[in-house]
């Protein structure tokens, strides 16, 4: 028995030694052979060391030395990875950061020490790594303590006074110099909580405006804007409006030269946590900010104000990030819209099946009489309406009239019903379907959202001047420059536009087509397809209303260019059709057939007619929805979404 016990002990020791040796080779094999052992870095703060209980200390005394060494492997490896992440070449840094982000079996004190030793470039890389442990980021410094909640507006006002100059819009200067002081003076007659948050929101909107101007991001950082914004977040972490504004401001001022200040103020860790949020209003600005700060990104694209990266938000490990992105899809919203709310699904997704057969009959009877209904269309609708799943095809998504169809036999069918490659979950509620649906169905696409202000709603209540006039040409030239900085024009492009956004897309393409600049021309040369959702190519009758009524509906100077058959739109369309004639591009168009309820006027108005939305080329569908819902599919089975998916696949020839 004694001899057997000795043999078993020796065998166990041999097995343990083999496992340790194998683990050592595996762990250190992921690092380059010329890696240097970690250097001890002195942090700015005192390390936290966990207390060791008496029992743990007793166990530690009797633990064999090799077990101590085994427990120290993750810690030693972490410091080795950190050293390479900060001193290796680009490829080594990318791999080291990815490994460090997912390293396990570390103590909280180890994470704290690593966070304090991280340089800004490594911290940004960790923040852009999916699944990173947030303990690798230091919490925002609390010393000196954040300013009091009631002092936030005064501090914001002081920052705005430093920023205010001739570049600021007239309404912004008027707000900062006159309106805000008056509101603060009269604040005692209002509820402190409501008044503070309202005033702070106005201040943040003004700071957001300044963050859009050249050189102002540096001024915001110079005058302590990062700490002020962090103090505001400290007091209002649950306010969606304030956090949304903070995200936009931070994304605009995030430049590589500010990376050190972003880290020291605690914003890198906050952005890393926002990146995993389900709220697109928080998630997208965080992804944009980190992409702008990431100097190790292979492409070094810059996303300026109004240009939002929607997918992919995380860093690629490939030697060339473009190797796994095949094309760019750019979404452009319309009047009174926005990248964060235009592209959501319709709010009501529950469907009444009590009159399913009548619904089918109405759809079938509404189709163009010259066409015959494909048998598969009827069978598919019947199969969906009899299913017990909670999410089905919405009958009102189906077109009632069509023109110039490419595939006569299956244009009505939902490809999701036929293809096993696509996932159709029962619950498809989304804040942004280009992010939640398109990025999953076609992950090889880069999805970009353009965001722009189309009216002076920010300052209309407090500014007597309408000084935010920007015509189509100015807006499009600005977007063209920003899109080039974002790397648009290097890969095939698909444009998706709603309402006036389609006119902006057309103007961008004709300007690029007529330009002598090779970089500008790449915007049209790489364009493969355009999808229009109720775009008034020949204007809207709303623009012909009396001025007082028109301003209630569309309070912007740009509406003057949207009059029915206005000369500027007719000329734009002629130039666009010249571009389409000389440059092969696929066109897909949808148009509303229902009126839109204008609550303030208690009116039912038709924003865009079929005659105005039909370019005369490409597939054309009249859908029984209103102007607001035409770009909001009910779910991933929706005809509106599935037809776009088929269009992108066909245009880009994605396997």
Foldseek 3Di string as FASTA:
>chain_A
DVVVVVVVVVVVVVVVVVVVVVVVCVLCVLADPPQDFADDDDFPDDFDDDDDDPVNVVVVVPDDPVVVVVLCVLLRSLRSLQSCLVDPPLLSVLSSLQCNQPRDNDDLSSLQSQQRVHDLQSLLQSLQHPPGDLSNADAFDCVVHQDDLLCLLVLLLVLVVQLDDPVAFPLLVCCSPPVLVVLVVPVVVDDSVVSSVVSVLLSLVSLLRQLQDPPSLVSCVVSPVLLSLVSVCVVPVPDLSSLLSSLLSLLSSQAQVCSRVCRNRRNSSVLSVQCPDQQCSSNFSSLSSSLRNNPSAQVNFHFHRQKTWQPDSHGDSDPHPLVLAFEEEEEEEAFPDWQQALAFFDPDQFDDLPPLVVLVVVLLVLADPVDDDAPVLVVQSVVFSPDPQRGGADSLLFFSYKPDDPDRRDLRAQVVVVDPLADFDSDFGGSHCCNVPVCVSRVSYTYMYGGDHFADVSRVVPDPDRRPADELVRVLVVVLVSCVSRVQLVHAYEYEYAECRVVSLLVQQLCLCPDPDPSSVSNNQRYAEYEYQQYQLQAWCLLVDDPVVSCVVRVHPHSVVRHGNRVVSVVSLVSSVVSCVVHPHAYHYEYEDFFDQDVVVRDTHAGHDPVRRDSPDHMYGYGHDGRSNSSHHSGCSRSSNSSVVVVVCVRSVPD
